[in-house]
Amino acid sequence: YMGERKMVEFNYVAGALIASGGLAGYLKKGSVPSLVAGVGSGAVYVLCGYLATHGNGATAHQVGTGVSVLLAGVMGMRAARSGKFMPAGLVATISALAGVYNGRQLAH
């Protein structure tokens, strides 16, 4: 149905954005932690999309919500400490949106 399709698309988009950000952090500053965390977190979102398209929507929503809460919390605190929106605030915002979306899908 359409709700699940939207969730899948959003997880793929969130995954691509988060992974791209991690790669950009590595290329710009040589930050291996950015690369590992960004690509790793992005891969989890992509996995959520895969799970949902293969009949495992509940697991996809649970994992998507969990990684979103963790990422939004950690990166939100990092953005607050630095006083800068980029890059941590952007990651926190994308993760918060993904968390709300996955959480709402899980509730249905």
PDB file of N, CA and C in Angstrom:
ATOM      1  N   TYR A   1       0.826  -1.187   0.000  1.00  0.00           N
ATOM      2  CA  TYR A   1       0.000   0.000   0.000  1.00  0.00           C
ATOM      3  C   TYR A   1       0.864   1.242   0.000  1.00  0.00           C
ATOM      4  N   MET A   2       0.275   2.401  -0.213  1.00  0.00           N
ATOM      5  CA  MET A   2       1.049   3.622  -0.444  1.00  0.00           C
ATOM      6  C   MET A   2       1.866   4.051   0.770  1.00  0.00           C
ATOM      7  N   GLY A   3       1.336   3.906   1.980  1.00  0.00           N
ATOM      8  CA  GLY A   3       2.072   4.327   3.175  1.00  0.00           C
ATOM      9  C   GLY A   3       3.405   3.619   3.307  1.00  0.00           C
ATOM     10  N   GLU A   4       3.405   2.306   3.072  1.00  0.00           N
ATOM     11  CA  GLU A   4       4.652   1.557   3.177  1.00  0.00           C
ATOM     12  C   GLU A   4       5.614   1.956   2.069  1.00  0.00           C
ATOM     13  N   ARG A   5       5.116   2.194   0.900  1.00  0.00           N
ATOM     14  CA  ARG A   5       5.969   2.616  -0.226  1.00  0.00           C
ATOM     15  C   ARG A   5       6.663   3.933   0.098  1.00  0.00           C
ATOM     16  N   LYS A   6       5.939   4.884   0.668  1.00  0.00           N
ATOM     17  CA  LYS A   6       6.538   6.171   1.031  1.00  0.00           C
ATOM     18  C   LYS A   6       7.632   5.966   2.069  1.00  0.00           C
ATOM     19  N   MET A   7       7.394   5.115   3.053  1.00  0.00           N
ATOM     20  CA  MET A   7       8.393   4.857   4.085  1.00  0.00           C
ATOM     21  C   MET A   7       9.661   4.295   3.452  1.00  0.00           C
ATOM     22  N   VAL A   8       9.488   3.370   2.539  1.00  0.00           N
ATOM     23  CA  VAL A   8      10.644   2.776   1.876  1.00  0.00           C
ATOM     24  C   VAL A   8      11.424   3.857   1.133  1.00  0.00           C
ATOM     25  N   GLU A   9      10.719   4.671   0.369  1.00  0.00           N
ATOM     26  CA  GLU A   9      11.401   5.726  -0.371  1.00  0.00           C
ATOM     27  C   GLU A   9      12.125   6.678   0.578  1.00  0.00           C
ATOM     28  N   PHE A  10      11.495   7.046   1.685  1.00  0.00           N
ATOM     29  CA  PHE A  10      12.130   7.975   2.611  1.00  0.00           C
ATOM     30  C   PHE A  10      13.375   7.356   3.238  1.00  0.00           C
ATOM     31  N   ASN A  11      13.325   6.085   3.584  1.00  0.00           N
ATOM     32  CA  ASN A  11      14.510   5.450   4.153  1.00  0.00           C
ATOM     33  C   ASN A  11      15.654   5.383   3.147  1.00  0.00           C
ATOM     34  N   TYR A  12      15.335   5.136   1.895  1.00  0.00           N
ATOM     35  CA  TYR A  12      16.380   5.140   0.877  1.00  0.00           C
ATOM     36  C   TYR A  12      16.989   6.539   0.732  1.00  0.00           C
ATOM     37  N   VAL A  13      16.149   7.555   0.724  1.00  0.00           N
ATOM     38  CA  VAL A  13      16.631   8.937   0.597  1.00  0.00           C
ATOM     39  C   VAL A  13      17.467   9.313   1.819  1.00  0.00           C
ATOM     40  N   ALA A  14      16.941   9.015   3.019  1.00  0.00           N
ATOM     41  CA  ALA A  14      17.687   9.326   4.239  1.00  0.00           C
ATOM     42  C   ALA A  14      19.033   8.610   4.243  1.00  0.00           C
ATOM     43  N   GLY A  15      19.033   7.356   3.829  1.00  0.00           N
ATOM     44  CA  GLY A  15      20.280   6.588   3.778  1.00  0.00           C
ATOM     45  C   GLY A  15      21.296   7.198   2.833  1.00  0.00           C
ATOM     46  N   ALA A  16      20.816   7.597   1.664  1.00  0.00           N
ATOM     47  CA  ALA A  16      21.723   8.211   0.692  1.00  0.00           C
ATOM     48  C   ALA A  16      22.282   9.533   1.204  1.00  0.00           C
ATOM     49  N   LEU A  17      21.429  10.346   1.826  1.00  0.00           N
ATOM     50  CA  LEU A  17      21.887  11.641   2.342  1.00  0.00           C
ATOM     51  C   LEU A  17      22.894  11.474   3.474  1.00  0.00           C
ATOM     52  N   ILE A  18      22.594  10.595   4.415  1.00  0.00           N
ATOM     53  CA  ILE A  18      23.490  10.396   5.566  1.00  0.00           C
ATOM     54  C   ILE A  18      24.826   9.800   5.105  1.00  0.00           C
ATOM     55  N   ALA A  19      24.779   8.808   4.217  1.00  0.00           N
ATOM     56  CA  ALA A  19      26.020   8.202   3.715  1.00  0.00           C
ATOM     57  C   ALA A  19      26.838   9.215   2.922  1.00  0.00           C
ATOM     58  N   SER A  20      26.167  10.018   2.110  1.00  0.00           N
ATOM     59  CA  SER A  20      26.870  11.050   1.334  1.00  0.00           C
ATOM     60  C   SER A  20      27.549  12.059   2.248  1.00  0.00           C
ATOM     61  N   GLY A  21      26.864  12.417   3.318  1.00  0.00           N
ATOM     62  CA  GLY A  21      27.457  13.347   4.282  1.00  0.00           C
ATOM     63  C   GLY A  21      28.690  12.777   4.943  1.00  0.00           C
ATOM     64  N   GLY A  22      28.644  11.508   5.296  1.00  0.00           N
ATOM     65  CA  GLY A  22      29.819  10.858   5.892  1.00  0.00           C
ATOM     66  C   GLY A  22      30.986  10.818   4.927  1.00  0.00           C
ATOM     67  N   LEU A  23      30.689  10.523   3.668  1.00  0.00           N
ATOM     68  CA  LEU A  23      31.729  10.514   2.641  1.00  0.00           C
ATOM     69  C   LEU A  23      32.292  11.917   2.432  1.00  0.00           C
ATOM     70  N   ALA A  24      31.426  12.915   2.421  1.00  0.00           N
ATOM     71  CA  ALA A  24      31.880  14.307   2.256  1.00  0.00           C
ATOM     72  C   ALA A  24      32.781  14.728   3.405  1.00  0.00           C
ATOM     73  N   GLY A  25      32.416  14.340   4.628  1.00  0.00           N
ATOM     74  CA  GLY A  25      33.256  14.658   5.790  1.00  0.00           C
ATOM     75  C   GLY A  25      34.635  14.039   5.680  1.00  0.00           C
ATOM     76  N   TYR A  26      34.670  12.831   5.158  1.00  0.00           N
ATOM     77  CA  TYR A  26      35.957  12.168   4.967  1.00  0.00           C
ATOM     78  C   TYR A  26      36.772  12.853   3.877  1.00  0.00           C
ATOM     79  N   LEU A  27      36.142  13.146   2.747  1.00  0.00           N
ATOM     80  CA  LEU A  27      36.870  13.754   1.636  1.00  0.00           C
ATOM     81  C   LEU A  27      37.340  15.163   1.957  1.00  0.00           C
ATOM     82  N   LYS A  28      36.531  15.911   2.710  1.00  0.00           N
ATOM     83  CA  LYS A  28      36.868  17.302   3.012  1.00  0.00           C
ATOM     84  C   LYS A  28      37.880  17.431   4.147  1.00  0.00           C
ATOM     85  N   LYS A  29      37.695  16.634   5.197  1.00  0.00           N
ATOM     86  CA  LYS A  29      38.529  16.786   6.393  1.00  0.00           C
ATOM     87  C   LYS A  29      39.352  15.553   6.749  1.00  0.00           C
ATOM     88  N   GLY A  30      39.192  14.495   5.966  1.00  0.00           N
ATOM     89  CA  GLY A  30      39.912  13.260   6.277  1.00  0.00           C
ATOM     90  C   GLY A  30      39.371  12.551   7.502  1.00  0.00           C
ATOM     91  N   SER A  31      38.107  12.791   7.836  1.00  0.00           N
ATOM     92  CA  SER A  31      37.510  12.238   9.047  1.00  0.00           C
ATOM     93  C   SER A  31      37.023  10.806   8.829  1.00  0.00           C
ATOM     94  N   VAL A  32      37.800   9.870   9.354  1.00  0.00           N
ATOM     95  CA  VAL A  32      37.413   8.463   9.274  1.00  0.00           C
ATOM     96  C   VAL A  32      36.148   8.199  10.110  1.00  0.00           C
ATOM     97  N   PRO A  33      36.001   8.797  11.311  1.00  0.00           N
ATOM     98  CA  PRO A  33      34.754   8.584  12.050  1.00  0.00           C
ATOM     99  C   PRO A  33      33.510   9.047  11.273  1.00  0.00           C
ATOM    100  N   SER A  34      33.612  10.154  10.545  1.00  0.00           N
ATOM    101  CA  SER A  34      32.492  10.610   9.723  1.00  0.00           C
ATOM    102  C   SER A  34      32.156   9.589   8.648  1.00  0.00           C
ATOM    103  N   LEU A  35      33.197   9.055   8.024  1.00  0.00           N
ATOM    104  CA  LEU A  35      33.000   8.063   6.970  1.00  0.00           C
ATOM    105  C   LEU A  35      32.322   6.814   7.526  1.00  0.00           C
ATOM    106  N   VAL A  36      32.844   6.289   8.617  1.00  0.00           N
ATOM    107  CA  VAL A  36      32.319   5.052   9.195  1.00  0.00           C
ATOM    108  C   VAL A  36      30.890   5.253   9.714  1.00  0.00           C
ATOM    109  N   ALA A  37      30.680   6.323  10.486  1.00  0.00           N
ATOM    110  CA  ALA A  37      29.352   6.559  11.053  1.00  0.00           C
ATOM    111  C   ALA A  37      28.330   6.915   9.975  1.00  0.00           C
ATOM    112  N   GLY A  38      28.733   7.745   9.030  1.00  0.00           N
ATOM    113  CA  GLY A  38      27.810   8.153   7.974  1.00  0.00           C
ATOM    114  C   GLY A  38      27.431   7.016   7.050  1.00  0.00           C
ATOM    115  N   VAL A  39      28.425   6.300   6.566  1.00  0.00           N
ATOM    116  CA  VAL A  39      28.137   5.183   5.663  1.00  0.00           C
ATOM    117  C   VAL A  39      27.430   4.062   6.426  1.00  0.00           C
ATOM    118  N   GLY A  40      27.837   3.819   7.646  1.00  0.00           N
ATOM    119  CA  GLY A  40      27.183   2.777   8.448  1.00  0.00           C
ATOM    120  C   GLY A  40      25.720   3.105   8.726  1.00  0.00           C
ATOM    121  N   SER A  41      25.447   4.331   9.165  1.00  0.00           N
ATOM    122  CA  SER A  41      24.070   4.737   9.438  1.00  0.00           C
ATOM    123  C   SER A  41      23.247   4.769   8.159  1.00  0.00           C
ATOM    124  N   GLY A  42      23.836   5.259   7.089  1.00  0.00           N
ATOM    125  CA  GLY A  42      23.144   5.279   5.805  1.00  0.00           C
ATOM    126  C   GLY A  42      22.781   3.874   5.353  1.00  0.00           C
ATOM    127  N   ALA A  43      23.692   2.942   5.565  1.00  0.00           N
ATOM    128  CA  ALA A  43      23.435   1.550   5.188  1.00  0.00           C
ATOM    129  C   ALA A  43      22.277   0.966   5.996  1.00  0.00           C
ATOM    130  N   VAL A  44      22.157   1.359   7.256  1.00  0.00           N
ATOM    131  CA  VAL A  44      21.040   0.876   8.073  1.00  0.00           C
ATOM    132  C   VAL A  44      19.713   1.373   7.503  1.00  0.00           C
ATOM    133  N   TYR A  45      19.663   2.646   7.115  1.00  0.00           N
ATOM    134  CA  TYR A  45      18.432   3.164   6.495  1.00  0.00           C
ATOM    135  C   TYR A  45      18.118   2.419   5.191  1.00  0.00           C
ATOM    136  N   VAL A  46      19.130   2.166   4.383  1.00  0.00           N
ATOM    137  CA  VAL A  46      18.915   1.426   3.136  1.00  0.00           C
ATOM    138  C   VAL A  46      18.415   0.009   3.454  1.00  0.00           C
ATOM    139  N   LEU A  47      18.976  -0.614   4.476  1.00  0.00           N
ATOM    140  CA  LEU A  47      18.515  -1.924   4.919  1.00  0.00           C
ATOM    141  C   LEU A  47      17.037  -1.872   5.311  1.00  0.00           C
ATOM    142  N   CYS A  48      16.624  -0.802   5.971  1.00  0.00           N
ATOM    143  CA  CYS A  48      15.214  -0.645   6.339  1.00  0.00           C
ATOM    144  C   CYS A  48      14.337  -0.613   5.088  1.00  0.00           C
ATOM    145  N   GLY A  49      14.782   0.083   4.076  1.00  0.00           N
ATOM    146  CA  GLY A  49      14.047   0.098   2.820  1.00  0.00           C
ATOM    147  C   GLY A  49      13.948  -1.289   2.219  1.00  0.00           C
ATOM    148  N   TYR A  50      15.045  -1.998   2.256  1.00  0.00           N
ATOM    149  CA  TYR A  50      15.064  -3.364   1.720  1.00  0.00           C
ATOM    150  C   TYR A  50      14.108  -4.269   2.497  1.00  0.00           C
ATOM    151  N   LEU A  51      14.183  -4.212   3.808  1.00  0.00           N
ATOM    152  CA  LEU A  51      13.310  -5.057   4.635  1.00  0.00           C
ATOM    153  C   LEU A  51      11.841  -4.786   4.347  1.00  0.00           C
ATOM    154  N   ALA A  52      11.496  -3.516   4.235  1.00  0.00           N
ATOM    155  CA  ALA A  52      10.099  -3.155   3.999  1.00  0.00           C
ATOM    156  C   ALA A  52       9.610  -3.645   2.642  1.00  0.00           C
ATOM    157  N   THR A  53      10.481  -3.658   1.645  1.00  0.00           N
ATOM    158  CA  THR A  53      10.068  -4.114   0.317  1.00  0.00           C
ATOM    159  C   THR A  53      10.019  -5.635   0.221  1.00  0.00           C
ATOM    160  N   HIS A  54      10.531  -6.292   1.233  1.00  0.00           N
ATOM    161  CA  HIS A  54      10.530  -7.758   1.222  1.00  0.00           C
ATOM    162  C   HIS A  54       9.654  -8.323   2.337  1.00  0.00           C
ATOM    163  N   GLY A  55       8.568  -7.623   2.636  1.00  0.00           N
ATOM    164  CA  GLY A  55       7.555  -8.136   3.554  1.00  0.00           C
ATOM    165  C   GLY A  55       7.912  -8.099   5.020  1.00  0.00           C
ATOM    166  N   ASN A  56       8.883  -7.284   5.389  1.00  0.00           N
ATOM    167  CA  ASN A  56       9.298  -7.215   6.787  1.00  0.00           C
ATOM    168  C   ASN A  56       9.163  -5.792   7.304  1.00  0.00           C
ATOM    169  N   GLY A  57       7.988  -5.185   7.057  1.00  0.00           N
ATOM    170  CA  GLY A  57       7.757  -3.790   7.406  1.00  0.00           C
ATOM    171  C   GLY A  57       7.908  -3.479   8.877  1.00  0.00           C
ATOM    172  N   ALA A  58       7.423  -4.367   9.751  1.00  0.00           N
ATOM    173  CA  ALA A  58       7.505  -4.091  11.193  1.00  0.00           C
ATOM    174  C   ALA A  58       8.961  -3.966  11.639  1.00  0.00           C
ATOM    175  N   THR A  59       9.791  -4.883  11.185  1.00  0.00           N
ATOM    176  CA  THR A  59      11.212  -4.815  11.543  1.00  0.00           C
ATOM    177  C   THR A  59      11.846  -3.551  10.960  1.00  0.00           C
ATOM    178  N   ALA A  60      11.502  -3.231   9.717  1.00  0.00           N
ATOM    179  CA  ALA A  60      12.042  -2.032   9.078  1.00  0.00           C
ATOM    180  C   ALA A  60      11.691  -0.786   9.880  1.00  0.00           C
ATOM    181  N   HIS A  61      10.444  -0.689  10.333  1.00  0.00           N
ATOM    182  CA  HIS A  61      10.008   0.488  11.097  1.00  0.00           C
ATOM    183  C   HIS A  61      10.694   0.545  12.459  1.00  0.00           C
ATOM    184  N   GLN A  62      10.834  -0.606  13.098  1.00  0.00           N
ATOM    185  CA  GLN A  62      11.488  -0.636  14.411  1.00  0.00           C
ATOM    186  C   GLN A  62      12.949  -0.211  14.307  1.00  0.00           C
ATOM    187  N   VAL A  63      13.663  -0.795  13.363  1.00  0.00           N
ATOM    188  CA  VAL A  63      15.081  -0.464  13.188  1.00  0.00           C
ATOM    189  C   VAL A  63      15.230   0.994  12.753  1.00  0.00           C
ATOM    190  N   GLY A  64      14.389   1.422  11.815  1.00  0.00           N
ATOM    191  CA  GLY A  64      14.441   2.805  11.339  1.00  0.00           C
ATOM    192  C   GLY A  64      14.190   3.807  12.448  1.00  0.00           C
ATOM    193  N   THR A  65      13.225   3.513  13.309  1.00  0.00           N
ATOM    194  CA  THR A  65      12.941   4.399  14.435  1.00  0.00           C
ATOM    195  C   THR A  65      14.119   4.423  15.405  1.00  0.00           C
ATOM    196  N   GLY A  66      14.646   3.248  15.699  1.00  0.00           N
ATOM    197  CA  GLY A  66      15.760   3.158  16.653  1.00  0.00           C
ATOM    198  C   GLY A  66      17.004   3.908  16.200  1.00  0.00           C
ATOM    199  N   VAL A  67      17.426   3.681  14.958  1.00  0.00           N
ATOM    200  CA  VAL A  67      18.628   4.358  14.468  1.00  0.00           C
ATOM    201  C   VAL A  67      18.386   5.865  14.385  1.00  0.00           C
ATOM    202  N   SER A  68      17.157   6.255  14.076  1.00  0.00           N
ATOM    203  CA  SER A  68      16.835   7.680  13.982  1.00  0.00           C
ATOM    204  C   SER A  68      16.931   8.368  15.336  1.00  0.00           C
ATOM    205  N   VAL A  69      16.385   7.730  16.361  1.00  0.00           N
ATOM    206  CA  VAL A  69      16.437   8.306  17.714  1.00  0.00           C
ATOM    207  C   VAL A  69      17.892   8.445  18.166  1.00  0.00           C
ATOM    208  N   LEU A  70      18.675   7.408  17.949  1.00  0.00           N
ATOM    209  CA  LEU A  70      20.086   7.439  18.338  1.00  0.00           C
ATOM    210  C   LEU A  70      20.845   8.534  17.599  1.00  0.00           C
ATOM    211  N   LEU A  71      20.696   8.564  16.288  1.00  0.00           N
ATOM    212  CA  LEU A  71      21.428   9.528  15.463  1.00  0.00           C
ATOM    213  C   LEU A  71      20.968  10.962  15.735  1.00  0.00           C
ATOM    214  N   ALA A  72      19.660  11.167  15.849  1.00  0.00           N
ATOM    215  CA  ALA A  72      19.149  12.513  16.128  1.00  0.00           C
ATOM    216  C   ALA A  72      19.639  13.002  17.484  1.00  0.00           C
ATOM    217  N   GLY A  73      19.648  12.124  18.464  1.00  0.00           N
ATOM    218  CA  GLY A  73      20.107  12.509  19.797  1.00  0.00           C
ATOM    219  C   GLY A  73      21.582  12.869  19.834  1.00  0.00           C
ATOM    220  N   VAL A  74      22.408  11.988  19.308  1.00  0.00           N
ATOM    221  CA  VAL A  74      23.859  12.211  19.324  1.00  0.00           C
ATOM    222  C   VAL A  74      24.234  13.448  18.508  1.00  0.00           C
ATOM    223  N   MET A  75      23.710  13.520  17.292  1.00  0.00           N
ATOM    224  CA  MET A  75      24.084  14.644  16.424  1.00  0.00           C
ATOM    225  C   MET A  75      23.419  15.949  16.869  1.00  0.00           C
ATOM    226  N   GLY A  76      22.241  15.849  17.467  1.00  0.00           N
ATOM    227  CA  GLY A  76      21.603  17.046  18.017  1.00  0.00           C
ATOM    228  C   GLY A  76      22.429  17.644  19.145  1.00  0.00           C
ATOM    229  N   MET A  77      22.948  16.791  20.025  1.00  0.00           N
ATOM    230  CA  MET A  77      23.814  17.271  21.115  1.00  0.00           C
ATOM    231  C   MET A  77      25.107  17.855  20.559  1.00  0.00           C
ATOM    232  N   ARG A  78      25.642  17.228  19.547  1.00  0.00           N
ATOM    233  CA  ARG A  78      26.880  17.715  18.928  1.00  0.00           C
ATOM    234  C   ARG A  78      26.657  19.101  18.305  1.00  0.00           C
ATOM    235  N   ALA A  79      25.521  19.267  17.631  1.00  0.00           N
ATOM    236  CA  ALA A  79      25.200  20.566  17.023  1.00  0.00           C
ATOM    237  C   ALA A  79      25.004  21.626  18.092  1.00  0.00           C
ATOM    238  N   ALA A  80      24.336  21.266  19.172  1.00  0.00           N
ATOM    239  CA  ALA A  80      24.106  22.223  20.263  1.00  0.00           C
ATOM    240  C   ALA A  80      25.429  22.644  20.902  1.00  0.00           C
ATOM    241  N   ARG A  81      26.336  21.694  21.091  1.00  0.00           N
ATOM    242  CA  ARG A  81      27.653  22.011  21.677  1.00  0.00           C
ATOM    243  C   ARG A  81      28.471  22.918  20.779  1.00  0.00           C
ATOM    244  N   SER A  82      28.424  22.660  19.477  1.00  0.00           N
ATOM    245  CA  SER A  82      29.251  23.439  18.553  1.00  0.00           C
ATOM    246  C   SER A  82      28.620  24.783  18.209  1.00  0.00           C
ATOM    247  N   GLY A  83      27.298  24.872  18.348  1.00  0.00           N
ATOM    248  CA  GLY A  83      26.598  26.097  17.969  1.00  0.00           C
ATOM    249  C   GLY A  83      26.479  26.267  16.462  1.00  0.00           C
ATOM    250  N   LYS A  84      26.819  25.218  15.714  1.00  0.00           N
ATOM    251  CA  LYS A  84      26.760  25.269  14.247  1.00  0.00           C
ATOM    252  C   LYS A  84      25.742  24.260  13.746  1.00  0.00           C
ATOM    253  N   PHE A  85      25.018  24.652  12.698  1.00  0.00           N
ATOM    254  CA  PHE A  85      24.043  23.739  12.125  1.00  0.00           C
ATOM    255  C   PHE A  85      24.708  22.641  11.300  1.00  0.00           C
ATOM    256  N   MET A  86      25.733  23.008  10.557  1.00  0.00           N
ATOM    257  CA  MET A  86      26.392  22.042   9.665  1.00  0.00           C
ATOM    258  C   MET A  86      27.610  21.432  10.329  1.00  0.00           C
ATOM    259  N   PRO A  87      27.831  20.178  10.203  1.00  0.00           N
ATOM    260  CA  PRO A  87      26.982  19.176   9.571  1.00  0.00           C
ATOM    261  C   PRO A  87      26.036  18.477  10.550  1.00  0.00           C
ATOM    262  N   ALA A  88      26.352  18.563  11.848  1.00  0.00           N
ATOM    263  CA  ALA A  88      25.612  17.762  12.838  1.00  0.00           C
ATOM    264  C   ALA A  88      24.125  18.121  12.895  1.00  0.00           C
ATOM    265  N   GLY A  89      23.800  19.396  12.776  1.00  0.00           N
ATOM    266  CA  GLY A  89      22.394  19.800  12.827  1.00  0.00           C
ATOM    267  C   GLY A  89      21.597  19.258  11.660  1.00  0.00           C
ATOM    268  N   LEU A  90      22.228  19.201  10.498  1.00  0.00           N
ATOM    269  CA  LEU A  90      21.551  18.654   9.323  1.00  0.00           C
ATOM    270  C   LEU A  90      21.302  17.156   9.498  1.00  0.00           C
ATOM    271  N   VAL A  91      22.292  16.444   9.989  1.00  0.00           N
ATOM    272  CA  VAL A  91      22.130  15.007  10.229  1.00  0.00           C
ATOM    273  C   VAL A  91      21.044  14.780  11.283  1.00  0.00           C
ATOM    274  N   ALA A  92      21.047  15.585  12.343  1.00  0.00           N
ATOM    275  CA  ALA A  92      20.020  15.456  13.377  1.00  0.00           C
ATOM    276  C   ALA A  92      18.633  15.718  12.809  1.00  0.00           C
ATOM    277  N   THR A  93      18.512  16.698  11.932  1.00  0.00           N
ATOM    278  CA  THR A  93      17.214  17.026  11.328  1.00  0.00           C
ATOM    279  C   THR A  93      16.725  15.897  10.422  1.00  0.00           C
ATOM    280  N   ILE A  94      17.590  15.398   9.563  1.00  0.00           N
ATOM    281  CA  ILE A  94      17.215  14.283   8.681  1.00  0.00           C
ATOM    282  C   ILE A  94      16.816  13.069   9.517  1.00  0.00           C
ATOM    283  N   SER A  95      17.587  12.797  10.556  1.00  0.00           N
ATOM    284  CA  SER A  95      17.307  11.645  11.412  1.00  0.00           C
ATOM    285  C   SER A  95      16.003  11.817  12.178  1.00  0.00           C
ATOM    286  N   ALA A  96      15.735  13.024  12.649  1.00  0.00           N
ATOM    287  CA  ALA A  96      14.483  13.275  13.358  1.00  0.00           C
ATOM    288  C   ALA A  96      13.288  13.073  12.426  1.00  0.00           C
ATOM    289  N   LEU A  97      13.395  13.565  11.204  1.00  0.00           N
ATOM    290  CA  LEU A  97      12.324  13.367  10.224  1.00  0.00           C
ATOM    291  C   LEU A  97      12.120  11.879   9.931  1.00  0.00           C
ATOM    292  N   ALA A  98      13.210  11.158   9.766  1.00  0.00           N
ATOM    293  CA  ALA A  98      13.121   9.720   9.518  1.00  0.00           C
ATOM    294  C   ALA A  98      12.513   9.010  10.725  1.00  0.00           C
ATOM    295  N   GLY A  99      12.851   9.462  11.911  1.00  0.00           N
ATOM    296  CA  GLY A  99      12.301   8.855  13.123  1.00  0.00           C
ATOM    297  C   GLY A  99      10.806   9.060  13.246  1.00  0.00           C
ATOM    298  N   VAL A 100      10.366  10.279  12.974  1.00  0.00           N
ATOM    299  CA  VAL A 100       8.931  10.565  13.014  1.00  0.00           C
ATOM    300  C   VAL A 100       8.206   9.721  11.970  1.00  0.00           C
ATOM    301  N   TYR A 101       8.751   9.679  10.785  1.00  0.00           N
ATOM    302  CA  TYR A 101       8.108   8.940   9.710  1.00  0.00           C
ATOM    303  C   TYR A 101       8.028   7.436  10.018  1.00  0.00           C
ATOM    304  N   ASN A 102       9.162   6.864  10.422  1.00  0.00           N
ATOM    305  CA  ASN A 102       9.169   5.432  10.750  1.00  0.00           C
ATOM    306  C   ASN A 102       8.304   5.137  11.961  1.00  0.00           C
ATOM    307  N   GLY A 103       8.343   5.994  12.949  1.00  0.00           N
ATOM    308  CA  GLY A 103       7.527   5.809  14.138  1.00  0.00           C
ATOM    309  C   GLY A 103       6.039   5.849  13.821  1.00  0.00           C
ATOM    310  N   ARG A 104       5.641   6.767  12.968  1.00  0.00           N
ATOM    311  CA  ARG A 104       4.235   6.842  12.566  1.00  0.00           C
ATOM    312  C   ARG A 104       3.822   5.609  11.780  1.00  0.00           C
ATOM    313  N   GLN A 105       4.700   5.119  10.924  1.00  0.00           N
ATOM    314  CA  GLN A 105       4.385   3.901  10.171  1.00  0.00           C
ATOM    315  C   GLN A 105       4.277   2.701  11.108  1.00  0.00           C
ATOM    316  N   LEU A 106       5.129   2.661  12.114  1.00  0.00           N
ATOM    317  CA  LEU A 106       5.112   1.562  13.080  1.00  0.00           C
ATOM    318  C   LEU A 106       3.808   1.566  13.880  1.00  0.00           C
ATOM    319  N   ALA A 107       3.292   2.757  14.164  1.00  0.00           N
ATOM    320  CA  ALA A 107       2.066   2.889  14.948  1.00  0.00           C
ATOM    321  C   ALA A 107       0.825   2.445  14.189  1.00  0.00           C
ATOM    322  N   HIS A 108       0.922   2.366  12.876  1.00  0.00           N
ATOM    323  CA  HIS A 108      -0.258   1.990  12.069  1.00  0.00           C
ATOM    324  C   HIS A 108      -0.343   0.521  11.834  1.00  0.00           C
TER     325      HIS A 108
END
